[in-house]
Amino acid sequence: MDFQDKTLTCKECNNEFNWSAGEQKFYADKGLQNSPGRCPDCRKAMKDKKTNRQMYSIVCKECGKEGQVPFQPRNPDDVLCAECFGKKRQETKTSPDESQEASQTAEPQA
């Protein structure tokens, strides 16, 4: 595929920026289908905002480990660390819901 530089408009600051052929090839190689919506400066600002955000200390209600979360908990005694949160999330994704489970284990009626 032949890539050529394109001029795009940033959805944050409305400034035009160049999306180079090399960047387009990189996107294609990674399987990304959408062009960037923000200019490099706005992308950097968003990344900096995420990495510099305030973190809050917690004690996990499951394992008791101390951890940090990117939000101020309403109830600090009811928060999971990242590891336990990931485990809970995985459990809910992999376990079938109760209605499916009931239909799979129910005896057929004659």
PDB file of N, CA and C in Angstrom:
ATOM      1  N   MET A   1       0.849  -1.188   0.000  1.00  0.00           N
ATOM      2  CA  MET A   1       0.000   0.000   0.000  1.00  0.00           C
ATOM      3  C   MET A   1       0.885   1.238   0.000  1.00  0.00           C
ATOM      4  N   ASP A   2       0.509   2.228  -0.761  1.00  0.00           N
ATOM      5  CA  ASP A   2       1.300   3.451  -0.897  1.00  0.00           C
ATOM      6  C   ASP A   2       0.735   4.534   0.019  1.00  0.00           C
ATOM      7  N   PHE A   3       1.524   4.954   1.001  1.00  0.00           N
ATOM      8  CA  PHE A   3       1.086   5.969   1.948  1.00  0.00           C
ATOM      9  C   PHE A   3       1.662   7.317   1.552  1.00  0.00           C
ATOM     10  N   GLN A   4       0.852   8.358   1.735  1.00  0.00           N
ATOM     11  CA  GLN A   4       1.304   9.725   1.484  1.00  0.00           C
ATOM     12  C   GLN A   4       0.891  10.585   2.659  1.00  0.00           C
ATOM     13  N   ASP A   5       1.716  11.600   2.961  1.00  0.00           N
ATOM     14  CA  ASP A   5       1.406  12.503   4.070  1.00  0.00           C
ATOM     15  C   ASP A   5       0.006  13.090   3.899  1.00  0.00           C
ATOM     16  N   LYS A   6      -0.699  13.244   5.033  1.00  0.00           N
ATOM     17  CA  LYS A   6      -2.035  13.835   5.030  1.00  0.00           C
ATOM     18  C   LYS A   6      -2.074  14.954   6.060  1.00  0.00           C
ATOM     19  N   THR A   7      -2.886  15.942   5.814  1.00  0.00           N
ATOM     20  CA  THR A   7      -3.123  17.012   6.774  1.00  0.00           C
ATOM     21  C   THR A   7      -4.457  16.741   7.448  1.00  0.00           C
ATOM     22  N   LEU A   8      -4.428  16.637   8.782  1.00  0.00           N
ATOM     23  CA  LEU A   8      -5.626  16.386   9.570  1.00  0.00           C
ATOM     24  C   LEU A   8      -5.884  17.561  10.497  1.00  0.00           C
ATOM     25  N   THR A   9      -7.100  17.663  11.030  1.00  0.00           N
ATOM     26  CA  THR A   9      -7.458  18.712  11.976  1.00  0.00           C
ATOM     27  C   THR A   9      -7.713  18.078  13.339  1.00  0.00           C
ATOM     28  N   CYS A  10      -7.061  18.635  14.354  1.00  0.00           N
ATOM     29  CA  CYS A  10      -7.183  18.129  15.718  1.00  0.00           C
ATOM     30  C   CYS A  10      -8.572  18.432  16.270  1.00  0.00           C
ATOM     31  N   LYS A  11      -9.199  17.419  16.898  1.00  0.00           N
ATOM     32  CA  LYS A  11     -10.531  17.625  17.463  1.00  0.00           C
ATOM     33  C   LYS A  11     -10.483  18.362  18.798  1.00  0.00           C
ATOM     34  N   GLU A  12      -9.300  18.498  19.395  1.00  0.00           N
ATOM     35  CA  GLU A  12      -9.153  19.242  20.659  1.00  0.00           C
ATOM     36  C   GLU A  12      -8.931  20.729  20.401  1.00  0.00           C
ATOM     37  N   CYS A  13      -7.872  21.035  19.653  1.00  0.00           N
ATOM     38  CA  CYS A  13      -7.457  22.438  19.482  1.00  0.00           C
ATOM     39  C   CYS A  13      -7.797  23.012  18.115  1.00  0.00           C
ATOM     40  N   ASN A  14      -8.322  22.189  17.211  1.00  0.00           N
ATOM     41  CA  ASN A  14      -8.689  22.585  15.846  1.00  0.00           C
ATOM     42  C   ASN A  14      -7.512  23.030  14.982  1.00  0.00           C
ATOM     43  N   ASN A  15      -6.286  22.770  15.421  1.00  0.00           N
ATOM     44  CA  ASN A  15      -5.117  23.077  14.597  1.00  0.00           C
ATOM     45  C   ASN A  15      -4.881  21.937  13.618  1.00  0.00           C
ATOM     46  N   GLU A  16      -4.341  22.282  12.461  1.00  0.00           N
ATOM     47  CA  GLU A  16      -3.999  21.260  11.491  1.00  0.00           C
ATOM     48  C   GLU A  16      -2.656  20.649  11.861  1.00  0.00           C
ATOM     49  N   PHE A  17      -2.501  19.350  11.560  1.00  0.00           N
ATOM     50  CA  PHE A  17      -1.227  18.679  11.785  1.00  0.00           C
ATOM     51  C   PHE A  17      -0.988  17.662  10.686  1.00  0.00           C
ATOM     52  N   ASN A  18       0.271  17.321  10.495  1.00  0.00           N
ATOM     53  CA  ASN A  18       0.666  16.395   9.450  1.00  0.00           C
ATOM     54  C   ASN A  18       0.669  14.970   9.988  1.00  0.00           C
ATOM     55  N   TRP A  19      -0.004  14.072   9.275  1.00  0.00           N
ATOM     56  CA  TRP A  19       0.040  12.649   9.589  1.00  0.00           C
ATOM     57  C   TRP A  19       0.908  12.017   8.509  1.00  0.00           C
ATOM     58  N   SER A  20       2.145  11.727   8.865  1.00  0.00           N
ATOM     59  CA  SER A  20       3.141  11.314   7.874  1.00  0.00           C
ATOM     60  C   SER A  20       2.858   9.916   7.328  1.00  0.00           C
ATOM     61  N   ALA A  21       3.445   9.645   6.184  1.00  0.00           N
ATOM     62  CA  ALA A  21       3.321   8.331   5.554  1.00  0.00           C
ATOM     63  C   ALA A  21       3.881   7.247   6.483  1.00  0.00           C
ATOM     64  N   GLY A  22       4.978   7.555   7.173  1.00  0.00           N
ATOM     65  CA  GLY A  22       5.573   6.600   8.103  1.00  0.00           C
ATOM     66  C   GLY A  22       4.635   6.269   9.256  1.00  0.00           C
ATOM     67  N   GLU A  23       3.957   7.289   9.795  1.00  0.00           N
ATOM     68  CA  GLU A  23       2.986   7.059  10.877  1.00  0.00           C
ATOM     69  C   GLU A  23       1.811   6.231  10.368  1.00  0.00           C
ATOM     70  N   GLN A  24       1.371   6.508   9.153  1.00  0.00           N
ATOM     71  CA  GLN A  24       0.263   5.754   8.577  1.00  0.00           C
ATOM     72  C   GLN A  24       0.640   4.280   8.408  1.00  0.00           C
ATOM     73  N   LYS A  25       1.869   4.020   7.986  1.00  0.00           N
ATOM     74  CA  LYS A  25       2.337   2.641   7.843  1.00  0.00           C
ATOM     75  C   LYS A  25       2.379   1.967   9.211  1.00  0.00           C
ATOM     76  N   PHE A  26       2.862   2.692  10.228  1.00  0.00           N
ATOM     77  CA  PHE A  26       2.905   2.160  11.588  1.00  0.00           C
ATOM     78  C   PHE A  26       1.494   1.784  12.044  1.00  0.00           C
ATOM     79  N   TYR A  27       0.528   2.667  11.829  1.00  0.00           N
ATOM     80  CA  TYR A  27      -0.868   2.388  12.202  1.00  0.00           C
ATOM     81  C   TYR A  27      -1.355   1.124  11.482  1.00  0.00           C
ATOM     82  N   ALA A  28      -1.095   1.035  10.175  1.00  0.00           N
ATOM     83  CA  ALA A  28      -1.547  -0.114   9.384  1.00  0.00           C
ATOM     84  C   ALA A  28      -0.891  -1.405   9.879  1.00  0.00           C
ATOM     85  N   ASP A  29       0.405  -1.344  10.184  1.00  0.00           N
ATOM     86  CA  ASP A  29       1.129  -2.528  10.674  1.00  0.00           C
ATOM     87  C   ASP A  29       0.562  -3.016  12.005  1.00  0.00           C
ATOM     88  N   LYS A  30       0.054  -2.097  12.827  1.00  0.00           N
ATOM     89  CA  LYS A  30      -0.516  -2.453  14.121  1.00  0.00           C
ATOM     90  C   LYS A  30      -1.999  -2.826  14.026  1.00  0.00           C
ATOM     91  N   GLY A  31      -2.563  -2.728  12.825  1.00  0.00           N
ATOM     92  CA  GLY A  31      -3.968  -3.082  12.633  1.00  0.00           C
ATOM     93  C   GLY A  31      -4.927  -1.968  13.020  1.00  0.00           C
ATOM     94  N   LEU A  32      -4.399  -0.776  13.233  1.00  0.00           N
ATOM     95  CA  LEU A  32      -5.255   0.366  13.594  1.00  0.00           C
ATOM     96  C   LEU A  32      -5.905   0.904  12.327  1.00  0.00           C
ATOM     97  N   GLN A  33      -7.213   1.133  12.392  1.00  0.00           N
ATOM     98  CA  GLN A  33      -7.937   1.531  11.192  1.00  0.00           C
ATOM     99  C   GLN A  33      -8.306   3.004  11.162  1.00  0.00           C
ATOM    100  N   ASN A  34      -8.307   3.661  12.317  1.00  0.00           N
ATOM    101  CA  ASN A  34      -8.706   5.067  12.365  1.00  0.00           C
ATOM    102  C   ASN A  34      -7.488   5.972  12.426  1.00  0.00           C
ATOM    103  N   SER A  35      -7.593   7.101  11.768  1.00  0.00           N
ATOM    104  CA  SER A  35      -6.513   8.090  11.841  1.00  0.00           C
ATOM    105  C   SER A  35      -6.573   8.784  13.199  1.00  0.00           C
ATOM    106  N   PRO A  36      -5.452   9.371  13.643  1.00  0.00           N
ATOM    107  CA  PRO A  36      -5.478  10.042  14.943  1.00  0.00           C
ATOM    108  C   PRO A  36      -6.421  11.241  14.913  1.00  0.00           C
ATOM    109  N   GLY A  37      -7.147  11.435  15.995  1.00  0.00           N
ATOM    110  CA  GLY A  37      -8.082  12.555  16.075  1.00  0.00           C
ATOM    111  C   GLY A  37      -7.464  13.780  16.717  1.00  0.00           C
ATOM    112  N   ARG A  38      -6.315  13.588  17.377  1.00  0.00           N
ATOM    113  CA  ARG A  38      -5.652  14.703  18.073  1.00  0.00           C
ATOM    114  C   ARG A  38      -4.246  14.894  17.527  1.00  0.00           C
ATOM    115  N   CYS A  39      -3.784  16.120  17.557  1.00  0.00           N
ATOM    116  CA  CYS A  39      -2.433  16.441  17.126  1.00  0.00           C
ATOM    117  C   CYS A  39      -1.432  15.894  18.151  1.00  0.00           C
ATOM    118  N   PRO A  40      -0.160  15.783  17.783  1.00  0.00           N
ATOM    119  CA  PRO A  40       0.831  15.259  18.720  1.00  0.00           C
ATOM    120  C   PRO A  40       0.880  16.025  20.052  1.00  0.00           C
ATOM    121  N   ASP A  41       0.724  17.337  20.024  1.00  0.00           N
ATOM    122  CA  ASP A  41       0.755  18.121  21.266  1.00  0.00           C
ATOM    123  C   ASP A  41      -0.416  17.771  22.183  1.00  0.00           C
ATOM    124  N   CYS A  42      -1.611  17.632  21.619  1.00  0.00           N
ATOM    125  CA  CYS A  42      -2.783  17.289  22.434  1.00  0.00           C
ATOM    126  C   CYS A  42      -2.706  15.847  22.930  1.00  0.00           C
ATOM    127  N   ARG A  43      -2.150  14.945  22.100  1.00  0.00           N
ATOM    128  CA  ARG A  43      -1.958  13.561  22.550  1.00  0.00           C
ATOM    129  C   ARG A  43      -0.989  13.510  23.723  1.00  0.00           C
ATOM    130  N   LYS A  44       0.091  14.296  23.633  1.00  0.00           N
ATOM    131  CA  LYS A  44       1.068  14.342  24.723  1.00  0.00           C
ATOM    132  C   LYS A  44       0.436  14.921  25.984  1.00  0.00           C
ATOM    133  N   ALA A  45      -0.365  15.965  25.830  1.00  0.00           N
ATOM    134  CA  ALA A  45      -1.030  16.582  26.985  1.00  0.00           C
ATOM    135  C   ALA A  45      -1.974  15.590  27.666  1.00  0.00           C
ATOM    136  N   MET A  46      -2.711  14.798  26.879  1.00  0.00           N
ATOM    137  CA  MET A  46      -3.613  13.804  27.465  1.00  0.00           C
ATOM    138  C   MET A  46      -2.825  12.725  28.198  1.00  0.00           C
ATOM    139  N   LYS A  47      -1.705  12.292  27.607  1.00  0.00           N
ATOM    140  CA  LYS A  47      -0.870  11.273  28.243  1.00  0.00           C
ATOM    141  C   LYS A  47      -0.301  11.804  29.556  1.00  0.00           C
ATOM    142  N   ASP A  48       0.180  13.050  29.537  1.00  0.00           N
ATOM    143  CA  ASP A  48       0.724  13.663  30.755  1.00  0.00           C
ATOM    144  C   ASP A  48      -0.344  13.778  31.836  1.00  0.00           C
ATOM    145  N   LYS A  49      -1.545  14.119  31.433  1.00  0.00           N
ATOM    146  CA  LYS A  49      -2.653  14.248  32.383  1.00  0.00           C
ATOM    147  C   LYS A  49      -2.933  12.914  33.070  1.00  0.00           C
ATOM    148  N   LYS A  50      -2.902  11.832  32.299  1.00  0.00           N
ATOM    149  CA  LYS A  50      -3.141  10.504  32.864  1.00  0.00           C
ATOM    150  C   LYS A  50      -2.016  10.079  33.796  1.00  0.00           C
ATOM    151  N   THR A  51      -0.781  10.351  33.419  1.00  0.00           N
ATOM    152  CA  THR A  51       0.345   9.896  34.238  1.00  0.00           C
ATOM    153  C   THR A  51       0.556  10.771  35.466  1.00  0.00           C
ATOM    154  N   ASN A  52       0.069  11.981  35.440  1.00  0.00           N
ATOM    155  CA  ASN A  52       0.266  12.891  36.567  1.00  0.00           C
ATOM    156  C   ASN A  52      -0.986  13.066  37.433  1.00  0.00           C
ATOM    157  N   ARG A  53      -1.976  12.219  37.250  1.00  0.00           N
ATOM    158  CA  ARG A  53      -3.206  12.396  38.018  1.00  0.00           C
ATOM    159  C   ARG A  53      -2.995  11.987  39.477  1.00  0.00           C
ATOM    160  N   GLN A  54      -3.816  12.555  40.326  1.00  0.00           N
ATOM    161  CA  GLN A  54      -3.723  12.289  41.750  1.00  0.00           C
ATOM    162  C   GLN A  54      -4.188  10.873  42.051  1.00  0.00           C
ATOM    163  N   MET A  55      -3.432  10.191  42.886  1.00  0.00           N
ATOM    164  CA  MET A  55      -3.772   8.831  43.298  1.00  0.00           C
ATOM    165  C   MET A  55      -4.128   8.850  44.778  1.00  0.00           C
ATOM    166  N   TYR A  56      -4.998   7.929  45.189  1.00  0.00           N
ATOM    167  CA  TYR A  56      -5.467   7.846  46.571  1.00  0.00           C
ATOM    168  C   TYR A  56      -5.083   6.485  47.153  1.00  0.00           C
ATOM    169  N   SER A  57      -4.579   6.498  48.365  1.00  0.00           N
ATOM    170  CA  SER A  57      -4.173   5.262  49.042  1.00  0.00           C
ATOM    171  C   SER A  57      -5.389   4.522  49.572  1.00  0.00           C
ATOM    172  N   ILE A  58      -5.352   3.202  49.418  1.00  0.00           N
ATOM    173  CA  ILE A  58      -6.446   2.344  49.900  1.00  0.00           C
ATOM    174  C   ILE A  58      -5.855   1.089  50.537  1.00  0.00           C
ATOM    175  N   VAL A  59      -6.694   0.374  51.276  1.00  0.00           N
ATOM    176  CA  VAL A  59      -6.375  -0.962  51.759  1.00  0.00           C
ATOM    177  C   VAL A  59      -7.442  -1.878  51.159  1.00  0.00           C
ATOM    178  N   CYS A  60      -7.004  -2.886  50.414  1.00  0.00           N
ATOM    179  CA  CYS A  60      -7.914  -3.776  49.707  1.00  0.00           C
ATOM    180  C   CYS A  60      -8.807  -4.540  50.683  1.00  0.00           C
ATOM    181  N   LYS A  61     -10.113  -4.545  50.381  1.00  0.00           N
ATOM    182  CA  LYS A  61     -11.049  -5.245  51.267  1.00  0.00           C
ATOM    183  C   LYS A  61     -10.940  -6.757  51.130  1.00  0.00           C
ATOM    184  N   GLU A  62     -10.335  -7.258  50.037  1.00  0.00           N
ATOM    185  CA  GLU A  62     -10.199  -8.701  49.828  1.00  0.00           C
ATOM    186  C   GLU A  62      -8.917  -9.245  50.454  1.00  0.00           C
ATOM    187  N   CYS A  63      -7.769  -8.674  50.069  1.00  0.00           N
ATOM    188  CA  CYS A  63      -6.487  -9.250  50.469  1.00  0.00           C
ATOM    189  C   CYS A  63      -5.768  -8.452  51.554  1.00  0.00           C
ATOM    190  N   GLY A  64      -6.226  -7.222  51.816  1.00  0.00           N
ATOM    191  CA  GLY A  64      -5.609  -6.409  52.858  1.00  0.00           C
ATOM    192  C   GLY A  64      -4.350  -5.659  52.431  1.00  0.00           C
ATOM    193  N   LYS A  65      -3.956  -5.805  51.162  1.00  0.00           N
ATOM    194  CA  LYS A  65      -2.772  -5.087  50.674  1.00  0.00           C
ATOM    195  C   LYS A  65      -3.084  -3.603  50.527  1.00  0.00           C
ATOM    196  N   GLU A  66      -2.034  -2.807  50.718  1.00  0.00           N
ATOM    197  CA  GLU A  66      -2.174  -1.379  50.448  1.00  0.00           C
ATOM    198  C   GLU A  66      -2.009  -1.171  48.950  1.00  0.00           C
ATOM    199  N   GLY A  67      -2.717  -0.203  48.435  1.00  0.00           N
ATOM    200  CA  GLY A  67      -2.641   0.088  47.014  1.00  0.00           C
ATOM    201  C   GLY A  67      -3.026   1.525  46.741  1.00  0.00           C
ATOM    202  N   GLN A  68      -3.109   1.854  45.472  1.00  0.00           N
ATOM    203  CA  GLN A  68      -3.484   3.204  45.057  1.00  0.00           C
ATOM    204  C   GLN A  68      -4.521   3.101  43.956  1.00  0.00           C
ATOM    205  N   VAL A  69      -5.459   4.029  43.974  1.00  0.00           N
ATOM    206  CA  VAL A  69      -6.491   4.100  42.955  1.00  0.00           C
ATOM    207  C   VAL A  69      -6.576   5.535  42.430  1.00  0.00           C
ATOM    208  N   PRO A  70      -7.020   5.717  41.180  1.00  0.00           N
ATOM    209  CA  PRO A  70      -7.071   7.051  40.587  1.00  0.00           C
ATOM    210  C   PRO A  70      -8.361   7.813  40.891  1.00  0.00           C
ATOM    211  N   PHE A  71      -9.061   7.428  41.952  1.00  0.00           N
ATOM    212  CA  PHE A  71     -10.298   8.115  42.333  1.00  0.00           C
ATOM    213  C   PHE A  71     -10.365   8.157  43.849  1.00  0.00           C
ATOM    214  N   GLN A  72     -11.107   9.117  44.368  1.00  0.00           N
ATOM    215  CA  GLN A  72     -11.269   9.212  45.819  1.00  0.00           C
ATOM    216  C   GLN A  72     -12.444   8.322  46.217  1.00  0.00           C
ATOM    217  N   PRO A  73     -12.161   7.230  46.941  1.00  0.00           N
ATOM    218  CA  PRO A  73     -13.239   6.303  47.287  1.00  0.00           C
ATOM    219  C   PRO A  73     -14.268   6.936  48.217  1.00  0.00           C
ATOM    220  N   ARG A  74     -15.540   6.662  47.940  1.00  0.00           N
ATOM    221  CA  ARG A  74     -16.598   7.122  48.840  1.00  0.00           C
ATOM    222  C   ARG A  74     -16.507   6.378  50.160  1.00  0.00           C
ATOM    223  N   ASN A  75     -16.250   5.082  50.084  1.00  0.00           N
ATOM    224  CA  ASN A  75     -16.106   4.253  51.274  1.00  0.00           C
ATOM    225  C   ASN A  75     -14.751   3.538  51.167  1.00  0.00           C
ATOM    226  N   PRO A  76     -13.720   4.052  51.838  1.00  0.00           N
ATOM    227  CA  PRO A  76     -12.386   3.465  51.720  1.00  0.00           C
ATOM    228  C   PRO A  76     -12.304   2.003  52.171  1.00  0.00           C
ATOM    229  N   ASP A  77     -13.282   1.537  52.949  1.00  0.00           N
ATOM    230  CA  ASP A  77     -13.282   0.150  53.404  1.00  0.00           C
ATOM    231  C   ASP A  77     -13.899  -0.803  52.379  1.00  0.00           C
ATOM    232  N   ASP A  78     -14.346  -0.272  51.251  1.00  0.00           N
ATOM    233  CA  ASP A  78     -15.031  -1.078  50.256  1.00  0.00           C
ATOM    234  C   ASP A  78     -14.358  -0.950  48.891  1.00  0.00           C
ATOM    235  N   VAL A  79     -13.009  -1.043  48.865  1.00  0.00           N
ATOM    236  CA  VAL A  79     -12.262  -0.857  47.633  1.00  0.00           C
ATOM    237  C   VAL A  79     -11.315  -2.041  47.440  1.00  0.00           C
ATOM    238  N   LEU A  80     -11.157  -2.448  46.180  1.00  0.00           N
ATOM    239  CA  LEU A  80     -10.250  -3.541  45.838  1.00  0.00           C
ATOM    240  C   LEU A  80      -8.959  -2.999  45.245  1.00  0.00           C
ATOM    241  N   CYS A  81      -7.849  -3.714  45.491  1.00  0.00           N
ATOM    242  CA  CYS A  81      -6.599  -3.365  44.828  1.00  0.00           C
ATOM    243  C   CYS A  81      -6.721  -3.770  43.357  1.00  0.00           C
ATOM    244  N   ALA A  82      -5.782  -3.347  42.537  1.00  0.00           N
ATOM    245  CA  ALA A  82      -5.844  -3.635  41.104  1.00  0.00           C
ATOM    246  C   ALA A  82      -5.866  -5.139  40.834  1.00  0.00           C
ATOM    247  N   GLU A  83      -5.085  -5.902  41.590  1.00  0.00           N
ATOM    248  CA  GLU A  83      -5.016  -7.351  41.392  1.00  0.00           C
ATOM    249  C   GLU A  83      -6.358  -8.024  41.695  1.00  0.00           C
ATOM    250  N   CYS A  84      -6.944  -7.710  42.843  1.00  0.00           N
ATOM    251  CA  CYS A  84      -8.238  -8.312  43.211  1.00  0.00           C
ATOM    252  C   CYS A  84      -9.352  -7.832  42.290  1.00  0.00           C
ATOM    253  N   PHE A  85      -9.301  -6.572  41.883  1.00  0.00           N
ATOM    254  CA  PHE A  85     -10.297  -6.052  40.950  1.00  0.00           C
ATOM    255  C   PHE A  85     -10.224  -6.822  39.635  1.00  0.00           C
ATOM    256  N   GLY A  86      -9.008  -7.073  39.165  1.00  0.00           N
ATOM    257  CA  GLY A  86      -8.831  -7.833  37.932  1.00  0.00           C
ATOM    258  C   GLY A  86      -9.374  -9.243  38.052  1.00  0.00           C
ATOM    259  N   LYS A  87      -9.130  -9.887  39.197  1.00  0.00           N
ATOM    260  CA  LYS A  87      -9.647 -11.239  39.419  1.00  0.00           C
ATOM    261  C   LYS A  87     -11.170 -11.249  39.414  1.00  0.00           C
ATOM    262  N   LYS A  88     -11.787 -10.300  40.137  1.00  0.00           N
ATOM    263  CA  LYS A  88     -13.260 -10.220  40.187  1.00  0.00           C
ATOM    264  C   LYS A  88     -13.827  -9.989  38.794  1.00  0.00           C
ATOM    265  N   ARG A  89     -13.186  -9.104  38.060  1.00  0.00           N
ATOM    266  CA  ARG A  89     -13.658  -8.770  36.720  1.00  0.00           C
ATOM    267  C   ARG A  89     -13.577  -9.991  35.812  1.00  0.00           C
ATOM    268  N   GLN A  90     -12.496 -10.741  35.931  1.00  0.00           N
ATOM    269  CA  GLN A  90     -12.319 -11.949  35.132  1.00  0.00           C
ATOM    270  C   GLN A  90     -13.375 -12.989  35.491  1.00  0.00           C
ATOM    271  N   GLU A  91     -13.686 -13.109  36.784  1.00  0.00           N
ATOM    272  CA  GLU A  91     -14.709 -14.063  37.229  1.00  0.00           C
ATOM    273  C   GLU A  91     -16.057 -13.744  36.609  1.00  0.00           C
ATOM    274  N   THR A  92     -16.413 -12.462  36.567  1.00  0.00           N
ATOM    275  CA  THR A  92     -17.719 -12.093  36.022  1.00  0.00           C
ATOM    276  C   THR A  92     -17.758 -12.270  34.508  1.00  0.00           C
ATOM    277  N   LYS A  93     -16.613 -12.151  33.846  1.00  0.00           N
ATOM    278  CA  LYS A  93     -16.571 -12.346  32.397  1.00  0.00           C
ATOM    279  C   LYS A  93     -16.633 -13.822  32.026  1.00  0.00           C
ATOM    280  N   THR A  94     -16.011 -14.685  32.835  1.00  0.00           N
ATOM    281  CA  THR A  94     -15.923 -16.095  32.473  1.00  0.00           C
ATOM    282  C   THR A  94     -17.072 -16.938  33.007  1.00  0.00           C
ATOM    283  N   SER A  95     -17.697 -16.537  34.110  1.00  0.00           N
ATOM    284  CA  SER A  95     -18.781 -17.357  34.648  1.00  0.00           C
ATOM    285  C   SER A  95     -20.085 -17.017  33.946  1.00  0.00           C
ATOM    286  N   PRO A  96     -20.847 -18.047  33.562  1.00  0.00           N
ATOM    287  CA  PRO A  96     -22.127 -17.789  32.895  1.00  0.00           C
ATOM    288  C   PRO A  96     -23.111 -17.171  33.878  1.00  0.00           C
ATOM    289  N   ASP A  97     -24.047 -16.407  33.342  1.00  0.00           N
ATOM    290  CA  ASP A  97     -25.035 -15.807  34.254  1.00  0.00           C
ATOM    291  C   ASP A  97     -25.970 -16.902  34.773  1.00  0.00           C
ATOM    292  N   GLU A  98     -26.680 -16.585  35.825  1.00  0.00           N
ATOM    293  CA  GLU A  98     -27.484 -17.591  36.523  1.00  0.00           C
ATOM    294  C   GLU A  98     -28.557 -18.218  35.637  1.00  0.00           C
ATOM    295  N   SER A  99     -29.129 -17.433  34.733  1.00  0.00           N
ATOM    296  CA  SER A  99     -30.193 -17.994  33.901  1.00  0.00           C
ATOM    297  C   SER A  99     -29.632 -19.024  32.929  1.00  0.00           C
ATOM    298  N   GLN A 100     -28.458 -18.782  32.378  1.00  0.00           N
ATOM    299  CA  GLN A 100     -27.834 -19.753  31.495  1.00  0.00           C
ATOM    300  C   GLN A 100     -27.459 -21.000  32.281  1.00  0.00           C
ATOM    301  N   GLU A 101     -26.908 -20.787  33.466  1.00  0.00           N
ATOM    302  CA  GLU A 101     -26.480 -21.895  34.300  1.00  0.00           C
ATOM    303  C   GLU A 101     -27.672 -22.778  34.660  1.00  0.00           C
ATOM    304  N   ALA A 102     -28.791 -22.158  35.006  1.00  0.00           N
ATOM    305  CA  ALA A 102     -29.997 -22.900  35.373  1.00  0.00           C
ATOM    306  C   ALA A 102     -30.510 -23.709  34.189  1.00  0.00           C
ATOM    307  N   SER A 103     -30.489 -23.130  33.002  1.00  0.00           N
ATOM    308  CA  SER A 103     -31.003 -23.849  31.839  1.00  0.00           C
ATOM    309  C   SER A 103     -30.078 -24.997  31.439  1.00  0.00           C
ATOM    310  N   GLN A 104     -28.791 -24.864  31.728  1.00  0.00           N
ATOM    311  CA  GLN A 104     -27.852 -25.923  31.386  1.00  0.00           C
ATOM    312  C   GLN A 104     -27.916 -27.093  32.369  1.00  0.00           C
ATOM    313  N   THR A 105     -28.294 -26.828  33.612  1.00  0.00           N
ATOM    314  CA  THR A 105     -28.301 -27.886  34.615  1.00  0.00           C
ATOM    315  C   THR A 105     -29.687 -28.446  34.852  1.00  0.00           C
ATOM    316  N   ALA A 106     -30.697 -27.846  34.310  1.00  0.00           N
ATOM    317  CA  ALA A 106     -32.076 -28.303  34.535  1.00  0.00           C
ATOM    318  C   ALA A 106     -32.322 -29.616  33.803  1.00  0.00           C
ATOM    319  N   GLU A 107     -33.084 -30.497  34.466  1.00  0.00           N
ATOM    320  CA  GLU A 107     -33.459 -31.775  33.865  1.00  0.00           C
ATOM    321  C   GLU A 107     -34.550 -31.521  32.822  1.00  0.00           C
ATOM    322  N   PRO A 108     -34.462 -32.161  31.672  1.00  0.00           N
ATOM    323  CA  PRO A 108     -35.540 -32.009  30.695  1.00  0.00           C
ATOM    324  C   PRO A 108     -36.828 -32.615  31.215  1.00  0.00           C
ATOM    325  N   GLN A 109     -37.932 -31.926  30.958  1.00  0.00           N
ATOM    326  CA  GLN A 109     -39.223 -32.406  31.435  1.00  0.00           C
ATOM    327  C   GLN A 109     -39.927 -33.160  30.327  1.00  0.00           C
ATOM    328  N   ALA A 110     -40.614 -34.257  30.696  1.00  0.00           N
ATOM    329  CA  ALA A 110     -41.308 -35.078  29.699  1.00  0.00           C
ATOM    330  C   ALA A 110     -42.780 -34.755  29.664  1.00  0.00           C
TER     331      ALA A 110
END
